[in-house]
């Protein structure tokens, strides 16, 4: 099955947003012309991105140094093709321990927080 998922990355420190969310276990991001990939601003956050990269197995976001703000956030919305009952992977931050990652399955009530490091979250059941 395929699921649209919104991932919201937030940093509450003066260091810039610099994260990689990598998927494994056969779960992949759909990169076809019929699937949309969105990188969005988050209300209230000023986050000029230096790098935004989406591959079939990872999302990487890097922002420039914050200017007079200690709040940076960005949302990535992608479609993931499941290869089992759980979305698995590794959430890495680079140089900032004050980063959080929230997920929301679009069209489902399934949502939550993904901790830094190895993670496994269940896909919604129909």
C-alpha atoms as a PDB file:
ATOM      1  CA  UNK A   1       0.000   0.000   0.000  1.00  0.00           C
ATOM      2  CA  UNK A   2       0.952   3.636  -0.365  1.00  0.00           C
ATOM      3  CA  UNK A   3       0.510   6.271   2.351  1.00  0.00           C
ATOM      4  CA  UNK A   4       0.910  10.046   2.209  1.00  0.00           C
ATOM      5  CA  UNK A   5       2.802  11.146   5.309  1.00  0.00           C
ATOM      6  CA  UNK A   6       3.625  14.628   6.591  1.00  0.00           C
ATOM      7  CA  UNK A   7       6.884  14.896   8.545  1.00  0.00           C
ATOM      8  CA  UNK A   8       7.409  18.112  10.525  1.00  0.00           C
ATOM      9  CA  UNK A   9      10.975  18.830  11.654  1.00  0.00           C
ATOM     10  CA  UNK A  10      11.406  21.500  14.362  1.00  0.00           C
ATOM     11  CA  UNK A  11      14.513  22.983  15.986  1.00  0.00           C
ATOM     12  CA  UNK A  12      14.189  25.099  19.132  1.00  0.00           C
ATOM     13  CA  UNK A  13      17.753  26.313  19.414  1.00  0.00           C
ATOM     14  CA  UNK A  14      20.041  28.764  17.653  1.00  0.00           C
ATOM     15  CA  UNK A  15      21.727  26.003  15.622  1.00  0.00           C
ATOM     16  CA  UNK A  16      20.271  25.439  12.144  1.00  0.00           C
ATOM     17  CA  UNK A  17      17.928  22.651  11.116  1.00  0.00           C
ATOM     18  CA  UNK A  18      20.112  19.853   9.705  1.00  0.00           C
ATOM     19  CA  UNK A  19      18.444  16.440   9.571  1.00  0.00           C
ATOM     20  CA  UNK A  20      18.204  13.205   7.625  1.00  0.00           C
ATOM     21  CA  UNK A  21      15.262  10.821   7.842  1.00  0.00           C
ATOM     22  CA  UNK A  22      16.267   7.515   6.247  1.00  0.00           C
ATOM     23  CA  UNK A  23      13.891   4.614   5.598  1.00  0.00           C
ATOM     24  CA  UNK A  24      14.773   0.919   5.500  1.00  0.00           C
ATOM     25  CA  UNK A  25      13.036  -2.447   5.575  1.00  0.00           C
ATOM     26  CA  UNK A  26      11.975  -2.079   1.948  1.00  0.00           C
ATOM     27  CA  UNK A  27       9.809   1.007   2.569  1.00  0.00           C
ATOM     28  CA  UNK A  28      10.390   3.577  -0.183  1.00  0.00           C
ATOM     29  CA  UNK A  29       9.378   7.107  -1.091  1.00  0.00           C
ATOM     30  CA  UNK A  30       7.438   7.158  -4.364  1.00  0.00           C
ATOM     31  CA  UNK A  31       9.262   9.301  -6.903  1.00  0.00           C
ATOM     32  CA  UNK A  32       6.960   8.995  -9.905  1.00  0.00           C
ATOM     33  CA  UNK A  33       5.480  11.910 -11.826  1.00  0.00           C
ATOM     34  CA  UNK A  34       2.037  11.093 -10.432  1.00  0.00           C
ATOM     35  CA  UNK A  35       3.207  11.449  -6.802  1.00  0.00           C
ATOM     36  CA  UNK A  36       3.775  14.861  -5.275  1.00  0.00           C
ATOM     37  CA  UNK A  37       6.624  15.725  -2.945  1.00  0.00           C
ATOM     38  CA  UNK A  38       6.076  18.888  -0.934  1.00  0.00           C
ATOM     39  CA  UNK A  39       8.512  20.813   1.229  1.00  0.00           C
ATOM     40  CA  UNK A  40       6.514  23.422   3.142  1.00  0.00           C
ATOM     41  CA  UNK A  41       7.093  26.259   5.548  1.00  0.00           C
ATOM     42  CA  UNK A  42       5.668  25.904   9.040  1.00  0.00           C
ATOM     43  CA  UNK A  43       3.619  28.793  10.427  1.00  0.00           C
ATOM     44  CA  UNK A  44       5.699  31.067  12.627  1.00  0.00           C
ATOM     45  CA  UNK A  45       9.045  29.634  11.588  1.00  0.00           C
ATOM     46  CA  UNK A  46      11.646  31.335   9.435  1.00  0.00           C
ATOM     47  CA  UNK A  47      13.633  28.533   7.843  1.00  0.00           C
ATOM     48  CA  UNK A  48      15.579  29.390   4.680  1.00  0.00           C
ATOM     49  CA  UNK A  49      16.714  26.030   3.340  1.00  0.00           C
ATOM     50  CA  UNK A  50      20.225  25.558   2.046  1.00  0.00           C
ATOM     51  CA  UNK A  51      19.506  22.006   0.891  1.00  0.00           C
ATOM     52  CA  UNK A  52      16.377  19.972   0.358  1.00  0.00           C
ATOM     53  CA  UNK A  53      16.907  16.466  -0.974  1.00  0.00           C
ATOM     54  CA  UNK A  54      14.431  13.611  -1.335  1.00  0.00           C
ATOM     55  CA  UNK A  55      15.451  10.200  -2.628  1.00  0.00           C
ATOM     56  CA  UNK A  56      13.619   6.883  -2.624  1.00  0.00           C
ATOM     57  CA  UNK A  57      15.067   6.109   0.810  1.00  0.00           C
ATOM     58  CA  UNK A  58      15.667   9.434   2.604  1.00  0.00           C
ATOM     59  CA  UNK A  59      14.691  13.041   3.249  1.00  0.00           C
ATOM     60  CA  UNK A  60      17.494  15.502   4.033  1.00  0.00           C
ATOM     61  CA  UNK A  61      16.895  19.137   5.038  1.00  0.00           C
ATOM     62  CA  UNK A  62      19.552  21.714   5.862  1.00  0.00           C
ATOM     63  CA  UNK A  63      18.798  25.323   6.756  1.00  0.00           C
ATOM     64  CA  UNK A  64      21.107  28.305   7.016  1.00  0.00           C
ATOM     65  CA  UNK A  65      21.977  29.749  10.424  1.00  0.00           C
ATOM     66  CA  UNK A  66      18.918  31.298  12.071  1.00  0.00           C
ATOM     67  CA  UNK A  67      18.802  35.080  12.147  1.00  0.00           C
ATOM     68  CA  UNK A  68      17.568  36.461  15.479  1.00  0.00           C
ATOM     69  CA  UNK A  69      15.338  33.442  15.918  1.00  0.00           C
ATOM     70  CA  UNK A  70      15.639  30.203  17.786  1.00  0.00           C
ATOM     71  CA  UNK A  71      12.781  28.480  15.954  1.00  0.00           C
ATOM     72  CA  UNK A  72      13.197  26.728  12.623  1.00  0.00           C
ATOM     73  CA  UNK A  73      10.772  24.214  11.157  1.00  0.00           C
ATOM     74  CA  UNK A  74       9.921  22.615   7.840  1.00  0.00           C
ATOM     75  CA  UNK A  75       7.372  20.060   6.719  1.00  0.00           C
ATOM     76  CA  UNK A  76       7.979  17.371   4.117  1.00  0.00           C
ATOM     77  CA  UNK A  77       4.986  15.562   2.647  1.00  0.00           C
ATOM     78  CA  UNK A  78       5.781  12.393   0.707  1.00  0.00           C
ATOM     79  CA  UNK A  79       4.077   9.204  -0.401  1.00  0.00           C
ATOM     80  CA  UNK A  80       5.633   6.056   1.047  1.00  0.00           C
ATOM     81  CA  UNK A  81       5.155   2.576  -0.377  1.00  0.00           C
ATOM     82  CA  UNK A  82       4.995   0.112   2.492  1.00  0.00           C
ATOM     83  CA  UNK A  83       6.866  -3.170   2.588  1.00  0.00           C
ATOM     84  CA  UNK A  84       5.402  -4.522   5.789  1.00  0.00           C
ATOM     85  CA  UNK A  85       3.358  -3.525   8.813  1.00  0.00           C
ATOM     86  CA  UNK A  86       5.769  -0.805  10.042  1.00  0.00           C
ATOM     87  CA  UNK A  87       7.620   2.207   8.696  1.00  0.00           C
ATOM     88  CA  UNK A  88      11.188   1.707   9.859  1.00  0.00           C
ATOM     89  CA  UNK A  89      14.337   3.735   9.578  1.00  0.00           C
ATOM     90  CA  UNK A  90      16.824   6.032  11.249  1.00  0.00           C
ATOM     91  CA  UNK A  91      16.276   9.690  12.154  1.00  0.00           C
ATOM     92  CA  UNK A  92      19.593  11.558  12.319  1.00  0.00           C
ATOM     93  CA  UNK A  93      20.281  15.104  13.410  1.00  0.00           C
ATOM     94  CA  UNK A  94      23.558  16.757  12.567  1.00  0.00           C
ATOM     95  CA  UNK A  95      24.824  19.079  15.260  1.00  0.00           C
ATOM     96  CA  UNK A  96      21.607  19.937  17.061  1.00  0.00           C
ATOM     97  CA  UNK A  97      20.073  17.975  19.896  1.00  0.00           C
ATOM     98  CA  UNK A  98      17.028  20.257  20.137  1.00  0.00           C
ATOM     99  CA  UNK A  99      15.286  18.751  17.123  1.00  0.00           C
ATOM    100  CA  UNK A 100      11.894  17.029  17.099  1.00  0.00           C
ATOM    101  CA  UNK A 101      10.100  15.135  14.360  1.00  0.00           C
ATOM    102  CA  UNK A 102       6.361  14.674  14.208  1.00  0.00           C
ATOM    103  CA  UNK A 103       4.511  12.541  11.675  1.00  0.00           C
ATOM    104  CA  UNK A 104       0.915  12.492  10.455  1.00  0.00           C
ATOM    105  CA  UNK A 105      -0.549   9.937   8.064  1.00  0.00           C
ATOM    106  CA  UNK A 106      -2.724  12.007   5.719  1.00  0.00           C
ATOM    107  CA  UNK A 107      -6.337  10.828   5.830  1.00  0.00           C
ATOM    108  CA  UNK A 108      -5.797   8.806   9.006  1.00  0.00           C
ATOM    109  CA  UNK A 109      -5.704   9.653  12.695  1.00  0.00           C
ATOM    110  CA  UNK A 110      -2.289   8.008  13.084  1.00  0.00           C
ATOM    111  CA  UNK A 111       0.277  10.565  14.246  1.00  0.00           C
ATOM    112  CA  UNK A 112       3.054  10.917  16.764  1.00  0.00           C
ATOM    113  CA  UNK A 113       6.683  11.732  17.378  1.00  0.00           C
ATOM    114  CA  UNK A 114       9.710   9.947  15.955  1.00  0.00           C
ATOM    115  CA  UNK A 115      12.721   9.939  18.303  1.00  0.00           C
ATOM    116  CA  UNK A 116      16.262  10.487  17.113  1.00  0.00           C
ATOM    117  CA  UNK A 117      17.828   7.182  16.161  1.00  0.00           C
ATOM    118  CA  UNK A 118      16.318   3.943  14.948  1.00  0.00           C
ATOM    119  CA  UNK A 119      12.513   3.951  14.810  1.00  0.00           C
ATOM    120  CA  UNK A 120       9.548   1.767  13.888  1.00  0.00           C
ATOM    121  CA  UNK A 121       6.002   3.083  13.614  1.00  0.00           C
ATOM    122  CA  UNK A 122       2.960   1.093  12.492  1.00  0.00           C
ATOM    123  CA  UNK A 123       1.237   1.870   9.227  1.00  0.00           C
ATOM    124  CA  UNK A 124      -2.487   2.590   9.558  1.00  0.00           C
ATOM    125  CA  UNK A 125      -4.855  -0.308   9.254  1.00  0.00           C
ATOM    126  CA  UNK A 126      -7.825   0.212   6.982  1.00  0.00           C
END
